[in-house]
């Protein structure tokens, strides 16, 4: 009977650790996605600001010019009861590492009472549109067209801000495999 009781407590300790690791992975995933979404929104804003200067579009769609989105990763880690250990922003790629605030807790396994889980995640931004220069041969200063993967093509009009694509039309954000 004592052996079964010990085994039950050991399984409980493993379960506590698994829950803690799962919480850490959730916090890491949320933090990485938050950083990438913040960068996506910044890039979309830069594109709108540079709408009348198509020479800047390529850099924006390649991920250049966004500020540091790690503040948003830190915020989401905290909302998931974790601490951001590191945030590595790259061009269209954001890797974070978080550590849970809570420990695994007391259990029959010695040393677990102070252990915290650490996990990392990477989110990427995929550009959904490519810049197609005006090809009608006209001499007017027409803006390039955006040809997007979803089959929707955009002919940006600076005089119609409501008709411009939204950040999610220009960029997809997802966790890396």
N, C-alpha and C. Protein backbone atom coordinates (compact mmCIF):
# COMPACT_ATOMS: atom_id res chain seq x y z
N UNK A 1 0.82 -1.18 0.00
CA UNK A 1 0.00 0.00 0.00
C UNK A 1 0.87 1.26 0.00
N UNK A 2 1.95 1.26 0.78
CA UNK A 2 2.85 2.41 0.84
C UNK A 2 3.49 2.65 -0.52
N UNK A 3 3.82 1.58 -1.23
CA UNK A 3 4.41 1.72 -2.57
C UNK A 3 3.45 2.38 -3.54
N UNK A 4 2.17 2.02 -3.51
CA UNK A 4 1.18 2.64 -4.37
C UNK A 4 0.97 4.10 -4.03
N UNK A 5 0.99 4.41 -2.75
CA UNK A 5 0.85 5.80 -2.33
C UNK A 5 2.04 6.63 -2.81
N UNK A 6 3.23 6.09 -2.68
CA UNK A 6 4.43 6.78 -3.17
C UNK A 6 4.34 6.99 -4.68
N UNK A 7 3.90 5.95 -5.41
CA UNK A 7 3.77 6.06 -6.85
C UNK A 7 2.74 7.13 -7.23
N UNK A 8 1.65 7.22 -6.50
CA UNK A 8 0.64 8.24 -6.76
C UNK A 8 1.21 9.64 -6.57
N UNK A 9 1.98 9.84 -5.51
CA UNK A 9 2.60 11.15 -5.26
C UNK A 9 3.65 11.47 -6.33
N UNK A 10 4.36 10.46 -6.80
CA UNK A 10 5.35 10.68 -7.86
C UNK A 10 4.66 11.12 -9.15
N UNK A 11 3.53 10.47 -9.49
CA UNK A 11 2.78 10.87 -10.66
C UNK A 11 2.24 12.29 -10.51
N UNK A 12 1.83 12.64 -9.32
CA UNK A 12 1.36 13.99 -9.05
C UNK A 12 2.49 15.01 -9.30
N UNK A 13 3.69 14.68 -8.86
CA UNK A 13 4.84 15.58 -9.07
C UNK A 13 5.12 15.75 -10.56
N UNK A 14 5.04 14.66 -11.31
CA UNK A 14 5.27 14.73 -12.76
C UNK A 14 4.17 15.58 -13.39
N UNK A 15 2.94 15.42 -12.94
CA UNK A 15 1.84 16.22 -13.45
C UNK A 15 2.01 17.70 -13.16
N UNK A 16 2.46 18.02 -11.94
CA UNK A 16 2.70 19.42 -11.59
C UNK A 16 3.75 20.02 -12.51
N UNK A 17 4.80 19.27 -12.76
CA UNK A 17 5.87 19.77 -13.64
C UNK A 17 5.36 19.96 -15.06
N UNK A 18 4.55 19.03 -15.54
CA UNK A 18 4.01 19.14 -16.89
C UNK A 18 3.11 20.36 -17.03
N UNK A 19 2.29 20.62 -16.04
CA UNK A 19 1.42 21.79 -16.07
C UNK A 19 2.26 23.07 -16.07
N UNK A 20 3.30 23.10 -15.29
CA UNK A 20 4.18 24.26 -15.22
C UNK A 20 4.86 24.49 -16.57
N UNK A 21 5.36 23.41 -17.18
CA UNK A 21 6.00 23.53 -18.50
C UNK A 21 5.00 23.99 -19.55
N UNK A 22 3.76 23.47 -19.47
CA UNK A 22 2.73 23.90 -20.41
C UNK A 22 2.42 25.38 -20.28
N UNK A 23 2.38 25.85 -19.05
CA UNK A 23 2.16 27.28 -18.83
C UNK A 23 3.30 28.12 -19.38
N UNK A 24 4.52 27.62 -19.23
CA UNK A 24 5.68 28.34 -19.77
C UNK A 24 5.63 28.39 -21.29
N UNK A 25 5.24 27.28 -21.91
CA UNK A 25 5.17 27.26 -23.38
C UNK A 25 4.07 28.18 -23.88
N UNK A 26 2.95 28.20 -23.19
CA UNK A 26 1.87 29.12 -23.55
C UNK A 26 2.33 30.57 -23.47
N UNK A 27 3.03 30.90 -22.39
CA UNK A 27 3.54 32.26 -22.22
C UNK A 27 4.55 32.61 -23.31
N UNK A 28 5.42 31.66 -23.65
CA UNK A 28 6.42 31.90 -24.69
C UNK A 28 5.75 32.10 -26.05
N UNK A 29 4.79 31.24 -26.38
CA UNK A 29 4.08 31.38 -27.65
C UNK A 29 3.37 32.73 -27.74
N UNK A 30 2.68 33.10 -26.66
CA UNK A 30 1.95 34.38 -26.65
C UNK A 30 2.91 35.56 -26.78
N UNK A 31 4.04 35.48 -26.10
CA UNK A 31 5.01 36.58 -26.15
C UNK A 31 5.62 36.72 -27.54
N UNK A 32 5.97 35.60 -28.16
CA UNK A 32 6.56 35.65 -29.51
C UNK A 32 5.55 36.20 -30.51
N UNK A 33 4.32 35.71 -30.43
CA UNK A 33 3.29 36.21 -31.35
C UNK A 33 3.01 37.69 -31.13
N UNK A 34 3.02 38.12 -29.87
CA UNK A 34 2.78 39.54 -29.57
C UNK A 34 3.87 40.42 -30.17
N UNK A 35 5.12 39.99 -30.05
CA UNK A 35 6.23 40.77 -30.62
C UNK A 35 6.09 40.85 -32.15
N UNK A 36 5.77 39.72 -32.77
CA UNK A 36 5.64 39.70 -34.23
C UNK A 36 4.45 40.54 -34.68
N UNK A 37 3.34 40.48 -33.96
CA UNK A 37 2.18 41.29 -34.34
C UNK A 37 2.44 42.78 -34.16
N UNK A 38 3.18 43.13 -33.11
CA UNK A 38 3.54 44.53 -32.92
C UNK A 38 4.42 45.00 -34.08
N UNK A 39 5.40 44.19 -34.47
CA UNK A 39 6.27 44.55 -35.60
C UNK A 39 5.46 44.64 -36.89
N UNK A 40 4.52 43.70 -37.08
CA UNK A 40 3.66 43.73 -38.27
C UNK A 40 2.89 45.04 -38.33
N UNK A 41 2.32 45.44 -37.21
CA UNK A 41 1.55 46.68 -37.18
C UNK A 41 2.45 47.90 -37.45
N UNK A 42 3.67 47.86 -36.92
CA UNK A 42 4.61 48.95 -37.18
C UNK A 42 4.97 49.01 -38.66
N UNK A 43 5.23 47.85 -39.26
CA UNK A 43 5.58 47.81 -40.68
C UNK A 43 4.44 48.32 -41.55
N UNK A 44 3.22 47.91 -41.21
CA UNK A 44 2.06 48.39 -41.97
C UNK A 44 1.92 49.90 -41.84
N UNK A 45 2.17 50.43 -40.65
CA UNK A 45 2.13 51.88 -40.45
C UNK A 45 3.21 52.60 -41.25
N UNK A 46 4.40 52.00 -41.28
CA UNK A 46 5.49 52.58 -42.08
C UNK A 46 5.11 52.62 -43.56
N UNK A 47 4.46 51.54 -44.01
CA UNK A 47 4.06 51.47 -45.42
C UNK A 47 3.05 52.58 -45.73
N UNK A 48 2.08 52.78 -44.84
CA UNK A 48 1.09 53.84 -45.07
C UNK A 48 1.79 55.19 -45.09
N UNK A 49 2.73 55.40 -44.18
CA UNK A 49 3.47 56.67 -44.14
C UNK A 49 4.30 56.88 -45.40
N UNK A 50 4.80 55.79 -45.99
CA UNK A 50 5.66 55.87 -47.18
C UNK A 50 4.89 55.61 -48.47
N UNK A 51 3.59 55.68 -48.39
CA UNK A 51 2.75 55.33 -49.53
C UNK A 51 3.12 56.11 -50.79
N UNK A 52 3.42 57.37 -50.64
CA UNK A 52 3.73 58.18 -51.82
C UNK A 52 5.19 58.05 -52.26
N UNK A 53 5.99 57.24 -51.55
CA UNK A 53 7.38 57.01 -51.92
C UNK A 53 7.64 55.50 -52.09
N UNK A 54 7.27 54.95 -53.24
CA UNK A 54 7.38 53.50 -53.46
C UNK A 54 8.82 52.96 -53.38
N UNK A 55 9.81 53.83 -53.40
CA UNK A 55 11.19 53.34 -53.29
C UNK A 55 11.45 52.73 -51.92
N UNK A 56 10.62 53.07 -50.93
CA UNK A 56 10.77 52.54 -49.57
C UNK A 56 9.98 51.26 -49.34
N UNK A 57 9.09 50.91 -50.23
CA UNK A 57 8.19 49.79 -50.02
C UNK A 57 8.92 48.46 -49.84
N UNK A 58 9.91 48.20 -50.69
CA UNK A 58 10.61 46.91 -50.63
C UNK A 58 11.26 46.71 -49.28
N UNK A 59 11.93 47.74 -48.78
CA UNK A 59 12.55 47.62 -47.45
C UNK A 59 11.51 47.30 -46.38
N UNK A 60 10.38 47.94 -46.46
CA UNK A 60 9.33 47.71 -45.47
C UNK A 60 8.82 46.27 -45.57
N UNK A 61 8.57 45.79 -46.78
CA UNK A 61 8.06 44.43 -46.94
C UNK A 61 9.12 43.37 -46.63
N UNK A 62 10.37 43.78 -46.55
CA UNK A 62 11.44 42.86 -46.11
C UNK A 62 11.67 42.96 -44.60
N UNK A 63 10.91 43.80 -43.91
CA UNK A 63 10.97 43.88 -42.46
C UNK A 63 11.89 44.95 -41.91
N UNK A 64 12.39 45.81 -42.75
CA UNK A 64 13.30 46.86 -42.27
C UNK A 64 12.52 48.09 -41.81
N UNK A 65 12.95 48.66 -40.71
CA UNK A 65 12.38 49.92 -40.25
C UNK A 65 11.50 49.84 -39.03
N UNK A 66 11.06 48.64 -38.67
CA UNK A 66 10.21 48.53 -37.48
C UNK A 66 11.05 48.75 -36.24
N UNK A 67 10.44 49.31 -35.24
CA UNK A 67 11.12 49.50 -33.96
C UNK A 67 11.20 48.18 -33.20
N UNK A 68 11.64 48.26 -31.97
CA UNK A 68 11.80 47.07 -31.14
C UNK A 68 10.44 46.68 -30.54
N UNK A 69 9.91 45.51 -30.91
CA UNK A 69 8.61 45.09 -30.41
C UNK A 69 8.68 44.27 -29.12
N UNK A 70 9.85 44.18 -28.52
CA UNK A 70 10.02 43.31 -27.35
C UNK A 70 9.22 43.78 -26.14
N UNK A 71 8.88 45.05 -26.06
CA UNK A 71 8.04 45.52 -24.95
C UNK A 71 6.71 44.79 -24.95
N UNK A 72 6.20 44.48 -26.14
CA UNK A 72 4.91 43.78 -26.23
C UNK A 72 5.07 42.32 -25.80
N UNK A 73 6.20 41.71 -26.11
CA UNK A 73 6.47 40.34 -25.67
C UNK A 73 6.54 40.28 -24.15
N UNK A 74 7.19 41.27 -23.57
CA UNK A 74 7.29 41.32 -22.10
C UNK A 74 5.91 41.47 -21.46
N UNK A 75 5.09 42.27 -22.08
CA UNK A 75 3.74 42.50 -21.57
C UNK A 75 2.91 41.21 -21.61
N UNK A 76 2.98 40.47 -22.70
CA UNK A 76 2.20 39.23 -22.80
C UNK A 76 2.75 38.14 -21.91
N UNK A 77 4.06 38.10 -21.74
CA UNK A 77 4.63 37.11 -20.82
C UNK A 77 4.09 37.38 -19.41
N UNK A 78 4.08 38.64 -19.01
CA UNK A 78 3.58 38.99 -17.68
C UNK A 78 2.10 38.65 -17.53
N UNK A 79 1.33 38.86 -18.57
CA UNK A 79 -0.10 38.52 -18.51
C UNK A 79 -0.31 37.01 -18.37
N UNK A 80 0.70 36.23 -18.74
CA UNK A 80 0.63 34.77 -18.62
C UNK A 80 1.45 34.29 -17.42
N UNK A 81 1.67 35.16 -16.44
CA UNK A 81 2.36 34.83 -15.20
C UNK A 81 3.77 34.28 -15.43
N UNK A 82 4.50 34.98 -16.30
CA UNK A 82 5.87 34.58 -16.62
C UNK A 82 6.72 35.84 -16.76
N UNK A 83 8.01 35.61 -16.84
CA UNK A 83 8.97 36.71 -17.00
C UNK A 83 9.73 36.50 -18.30
N UNK A 84 9.89 37.57 -19.06
CA UNK A 84 10.63 37.50 -20.32
C UNK A 84 12.12 37.48 -20.00
N UNK A 85 12.79 36.38 -20.35
CA UNK A 85 14.24 36.28 -20.15
C UNK A 85 15.01 36.92 -21.30
N UNK A 86 14.52 36.71 -22.52
CA UNK A 86 15.20 37.29 -23.67
C UNK A 86 14.22 37.46 -24.82
N UNK A 87 14.54 38.40 -25.67
CA UNK A 87 13.75 38.66 -26.87
C UNK A 87 14.74 39.02 -27.96
N UNK A 88 14.73 38.25 -29.02
CA UNK A 88 15.68 38.44 -30.11
C UNK A 88 14.92 38.83 -31.37
N UNK A 89 14.77 40.15 -31.60
CA UNK A 89 14.07 40.57 -32.82
C UNK A 89 15.01 40.49 -34.02
N UNK A 90 14.51 39.94 -35.08
CA UNK A 90 15.25 39.89 -36.34
C UNK A 90 14.37 40.43 -37.44
N UNK A 91 14.82 40.29 -38.66
CA UNK A 91 13.99 40.70 -39.78
C UNK A 91 12.90 39.65 -39.96
N UNK A 92 11.69 40.01 -39.65
CA UNK A 92 10.52 39.16 -39.81
C UNK A 92 10.56 37.88 -38.98
N UNK A 93 11.37 37.85 -37.91
CA UNK A 93 11.50 36.67 -37.04
C UNK A 93 11.77 37.15 -35.61
N UNK A 94 11.00 36.62 -34.65
CA UNK A 94 11.10 37.07 -33.26
C UNK A 94 11.14 35.85 -32.35
N UNK A 95 12.25 35.70 -31.64
CA UNK A 95 12.43 34.57 -30.73
C UNK A 95 12.47 35.09 -29.31
N UNK A 96 11.70 34.46 -28.43
CA UNK A 96 11.65 34.85 -27.03
C UNK A 96 11.90 33.64 -26.15
N UNK A 97 12.35 33.93 -24.94
CA UNK A 97 12.47 32.90 -23.91
C UNK A 97 11.82 33.46 -22.65
N UNK A 98 10.96 32.65 -22.04
CA UNK A 98 10.28 33.08 -20.82
C UNK A 98 10.49 32.05 -19.71
N UNK A 99 10.30 32.52 -18.50
CA UNK A 99 10.37 31.65 -17.32
C UNK A 99 9.12 31.90 -16.49
N UNK A 100 8.51 30.83 -16.01
CA UNK A 100 7.31 30.98 -15.19
C UNK A 100 7.65 31.68 -13.88
N UNK A 101 6.69 32.42 -13.36
CA UNK A 101 6.86 33.04 -12.05
C UNK A 101 6.62 32.03 -10.94
N UNK A 102 5.76 31.07 -11.20
CA UNK A 102 5.46 30.06 -10.20
C UNK A 102 6.42 28.88 -10.32
N UNK A 103 6.70 28.29 -9.18
CA UNK A 103 7.55 27.09 -9.16
C UNK A 103 6.67 25.86 -9.37
N UNK A 104 7.34 24.74 -9.59
CA UNK A 104 6.63 23.48 -9.71
C UNK A 104 5.88 23.20 -8.41
N UNK A 105 6.46 23.57 -7.30
CA UNK A 105 5.80 23.42 -6.01
C UNK A 105 6.31 22.24 -5.22
N UNK A 106 5.81 22.14 -4.02
CA UNK A 106 6.21 21.04 -3.14
C UNK A 106 5.68 19.71 -3.68
N UNK A 107 6.54 18.72 -3.59
CA UNK A 107 6.13 17.38 -3.99
C UNK A 107 7.02 16.37 -3.27
N UNK A 108 6.79 15.14 -3.56
CA UNK A 108 7.58 14.07 -2.96
C UNK A 108 8.99 14.03 -3.54
N UNK A 109 9.16 14.66 -4.72
CA UNK A 109 10.47 14.69 -5.38
C UNK A 109 11.26 15.87 -4.81
N UNK A 110 12.39 15.59 -4.17
CA UNK A 110 13.17 16.67 -3.55
C UNK A 110 13.72 17.65 -4.61
N UNK A 111 13.73 18.91 -4.25
CA UNK A 111 14.33 19.94 -5.11
C UNK A 111 13.37 20.61 -6.07
N UNK A 112 12.15 20.11 -6.18
CA UNK A 112 11.21 20.70 -7.13
C UNK A 112 10.53 21.96 -6.61
N UNK A 113 10.59 22.17 -5.31
CA UNK A 113 9.85 23.30 -4.73
C UNK A 113 10.33 24.65 -5.24
N UNK A 114 11.55 24.75 -5.75
CA UNK A 114 12.07 26.02 -6.25
C UNK A 114 12.28 26.04 -7.76
N UNK A 115 11.92 24.96 -8.43
CA UNK A 115 12.15 24.88 -9.88
C UNK A 115 11.08 25.66 -10.65
N UNK A 116 11.52 26.41 -11.63
CA UNK A 116 10.63 27.14 -12.53
C UNK A 116 10.88 26.62 -13.94
N UNK A 117 9.86 26.69 -14.77
CA UNK A 117 9.99 26.21 -16.15
C UNK A 117 10.40 27.35 -17.07
N UNK A 118 11.26 27.03 -18.01
CA UNK A 118 11.72 27.98 -19.01
C UNK A 118 11.44 27.39 -20.39
N UNK A 119 10.84 28.18 -21.26
CA UNK A 119 10.52 27.74 -22.62
C UNK A 119 10.78 28.89 -23.59
N UNK A 120 10.97 28.52 -24.84
CA UNK A 120 11.17 29.54 -25.88
C UNK A 120 10.21 29.29 -27.03
N UNK A 121 10.02 30.32 -27.83
CA UNK A 121 9.16 30.23 -29.01
C UNK A 121 9.64 31.25 -30.04
N UNK A 122 9.35 30.95 -31.29
CA UNK A 122 9.70 31.85 -32.38
C UNK A 122 8.46 32.11 -33.22
N UNK A 123 8.20 33.36 -33.50
CA UNK A 123 7.11 33.75 -34.40
C UNK A 123 7.73 34.43 -35.61
N UNK A 124 7.12 34.23 -36.74
CA UNK A 124 7.61 34.82 -37.98
C UNK A 124 6.50 35.64 -38.64
N UNK A 125 6.94 36.61 -39.40
CA UNK A 125 6.04 37.42 -40.20
C UNK A 125 6.28 37.04 -41.66
N UNK A 126 5.22 36.70 -42.33
CA UNK A 126 5.31 36.36 -43.75
C UNK A 126 4.68 37.49 -44.54
N UNK A 127 5.42 38.02 -45.48
CA UNK A 127 4.89 39.06 -46.35
C UNK A 127 3.93 38.41 -47.34
N UNK A 128 2.72 38.92 -47.40
CA UNK A 128 1.68 38.33 -48.24
C UNK A 128 1.57 38.96 -49.62
N UNK A 129 2.24 40.09 -49.82
CA UNK A 129 2.11 40.82 -51.08
C UNK A 129 3.48 41.13 -51.66
N UNK A 130 3.52 41.23 -52.95
CA UNK A 130 4.74 41.71 -53.60
C UNK A 130 4.42 42.98 -54.37
N UNK A 131 5.43 43.79 -54.53
CA UNK A 131 5.27 45.08 -55.19
C UNK A 131 5.44 44.87 -56.69
N UNK A 132 4.42 45.27 -57.43
CA UNK A 132 4.45 45.16 -58.90
C UNK A 132 4.47 46.57 -59.46
N UNK A 133 5.60 46.95 -60.09
CA UNK A 133 5.70 48.31 -60.63
C UNK A 133 4.62 48.56 -61.69
N UNK A 134 4.22 49.81 -61.82
CA UNK A 134 3.23 50.11 -62.85
C UNK A 134 3.81 49.75 -64.22
N UNK A 135 3.06 49.02 -65.01
CA UNK A 135 3.58 48.55 -66.29
C UNK A 135 2.76 48.99 -67.47
N UNK A 136 2.00 50.04 -67.30
CA UNK A 136 1.14 50.46 -68.40
C UNK A 136 1.85 51.38 -69.38
N UNK A 137 3.12 51.71 -69.10
CA UNK A 137 3.89 52.55 -70.01
C UNK A 137 3.54 54.02 -69.92
N UNK A 138 2.68 54.39 -69.02
CA UNK A 138 2.30 55.79 -68.91
C UNK A 138 3.42 56.58 -68.24
N UNK A 139 3.39 57.83 -68.44
CA UNK A 139 4.41 58.69 -67.85
C UNK A 139 3.91 59.31 -66.55
N UNK A 140 2.67 59.02 -66.18
CA UNK A 140 2.18 59.57 -64.92
C UNK A 140 2.86 58.83 -63.78
N UNK A 141 2.86 59.45 -62.66
CA UNK A 141 3.52 58.85 -61.51
C UNK A 141 2.54 57.96 -60.74
N UNK A 142 2.15 56.86 -61.38
CA UNK A 142 1.24 55.91 -60.75
C UNK A 142 2.00 55.12 -59.68
N UNK A 143 1.30 54.77 -58.63
CA UNK A 143 1.89 53.96 -57.58
C UNK A 143 1.93 52.50 -58.01
N UNK A 144 2.89 51.75 -57.50
CA UNK A 144 2.91 50.32 -57.81
C UNK A 144 1.67 49.63 -57.28
N UNK A 145 1.42 48.47 -57.83
CA UNK A 145 0.30 47.65 -57.38
C UNK A 145 0.84 46.62 -56.40
N UNK A 146 0.02 46.21 -55.45
CA UNK A 146 0.37 45.12 -54.55
C UNK A 146 -0.37 43.88 -55.02
N UNK A 147 0.39 42.84 -55.34
CA UNK A 147 -0.19 41.57 -55.76
C UNK A 147 -0.03 40.63 -54.57
N UNK A 148 -1.16 40.18 -54.03
CA UNK A 148 -1.14 39.42 -52.78
C UNK A 148 -1.53 37.96 -53.01
N UNK A 149 -1.08 37.13 -52.09
CA UNK A 149 -1.28 35.69 -52.19
C UNK A 149 -2.74 35.27 -52.16
N UNK A 150 -3.57 36.05 -51.51
CA UNK A 150 -4.98 35.66 -51.38
C UNK A 150 -5.78 35.98 -52.64
N UNK A 151 -5.08 36.43 -53.69
CA UNK A 151 -5.75 36.75 -54.94
C UNK A 151 -6.26 38.17 -55.00
N UNK A 152 -6.12 38.88 -53.90
CA UNK A 152 -6.57 40.27 -53.85
C UNK A 152 -5.40 41.17 -54.24
N UNK A 153 -5.60 41.98 -55.23
CA UNK A 153 -4.59 42.95 -55.64
C UNK A 153 -5.06 44.33 -55.19
N UNK A 154 -4.10 45.11 -54.75
CA UNK A 154 -4.41 46.44 -54.24
C UNK A 154 -3.76 47.49 -55.13
N UNK A 155 -4.52 48.50 -55.47
CA UNK A 155 -3.98 49.67 -56.15
C UNK A 155 -4.12 50.82 -55.16
N UNK A 156 -3.07 51.00 -54.33
CA UNK A 156 -3.16 51.98 -53.24
C UNK A 156 -3.46 53.39 -53.74
N UNK A 157 -4.34 54.03 -53.04
CA UNK A 157 -4.72 55.40 -53.33
C UNK A 157 -4.50 56.23 -52.06
N UNK A 158 -3.48 57.09 -52.04
CA UNK A 158 -3.21 57.89 -50.84
C UNK A 158 -4.38 58.78 -50.43
N UNK A 159 -5.27 59.06 -51.35
CA UNK A 159 -6.43 59.91 -51.04
C UNK A 159 -7.59 59.11 -50.45
N UNK A 160 -7.44 57.78 -50.35
CA UNK A 160 -8.49 56.93 -49.82
C UNK A 160 -7.92 56.01 -48.74
N UNK A 161 -7.62 56.55 -47.55
CA UNK A 161 -7.02 55.72 -46.50
C UNK A 161 -7.90 54.54 -46.07
N UNK A 162 -9.21 54.68 -46.18
CA UNK A 162 -10.10 53.59 -45.79
C UNK A 162 -9.99 52.41 -46.75
N UNK A 163 -9.56 52.66 -47.97
CA UNK A 163 -9.43 51.60 -48.97
C UNK A 163 -8.08 50.91 -48.97
N UNK A 164 -7.19 51.31 -48.06
CA UNK A 164 -5.87 50.70 -48.01
C UNK A 164 -5.92 49.35 -47.29
N UNK A 165 -5.03 48.45 -47.63
CA UNK A 165 -5.02 47.16 -46.92
C UNK A 165 -4.66 47.33 -45.46
N UNK A 166 -5.20 46.46 -44.64
CA UNK A 166 -4.91 46.44 -43.21
C UNK A 166 -3.64 45.63 -42.98
N UNK A 167 -3.04 45.73 -41.78
CA UNK A 167 -1.81 44.97 -41.51
C UNK A 167 -1.95 43.47 -41.80
N UNK A 168 -3.11 42.90 -41.45
CA UNK A 168 -3.30 41.46 -41.67
C UNK A 168 -3.47 41.12 -43.15
N UNK A 169 -3.75 42.13 -44.00
CA UNK A 169 -3.80 41.90 -45.45
C UNK A 169 -2.40 41.87 -46.04
N UNK A 170 -1.48 42.56 -45.41
CA UNK A 170 -0.12 42.68 -45.92
C UNK A 170 0.83 41.62 -45.36
N UNK A 171 0.61 41.21 -44.11
CA UNK A 171 1.53 40.31 -43.43
C UNK A 171 0.76 39.24 -42.64
N UNK A 172 1.28 38.03 -42.65
CA UNK A 172 0.74 36.95 -41.83
C UNK A 172 1.71 36.72 -40.68
N UNK A 173 1.18 36.49 -39.48
CA UNK A 173 2.00 36.21 -38.31
C UNK A 173 1.65 34.82 -37.81
N UNK A 174 2.67 34.00 -37.62
CA UNK A 174 2.44 32.65 -37.08
C UNK A 174 3.68 32.15 -36.35
N UNK A 175 3.46 31.13 -35.54
CA UNK A 175 4.59 30.51 -34.85
C UNK A 175 5.41 29.69 -35.85
N UNK A 176 6.71 29.70 -35.67
CA UNK A 176 7.57 28.90 -36.52
C UNK A 176 7.44 27.44 -36.12
N UNK A 177 7.65 26.57 -37.07
CA UNK A 177 7.58 25.13 -36.78
C UNK A 177 8.72 24.68 -35.92
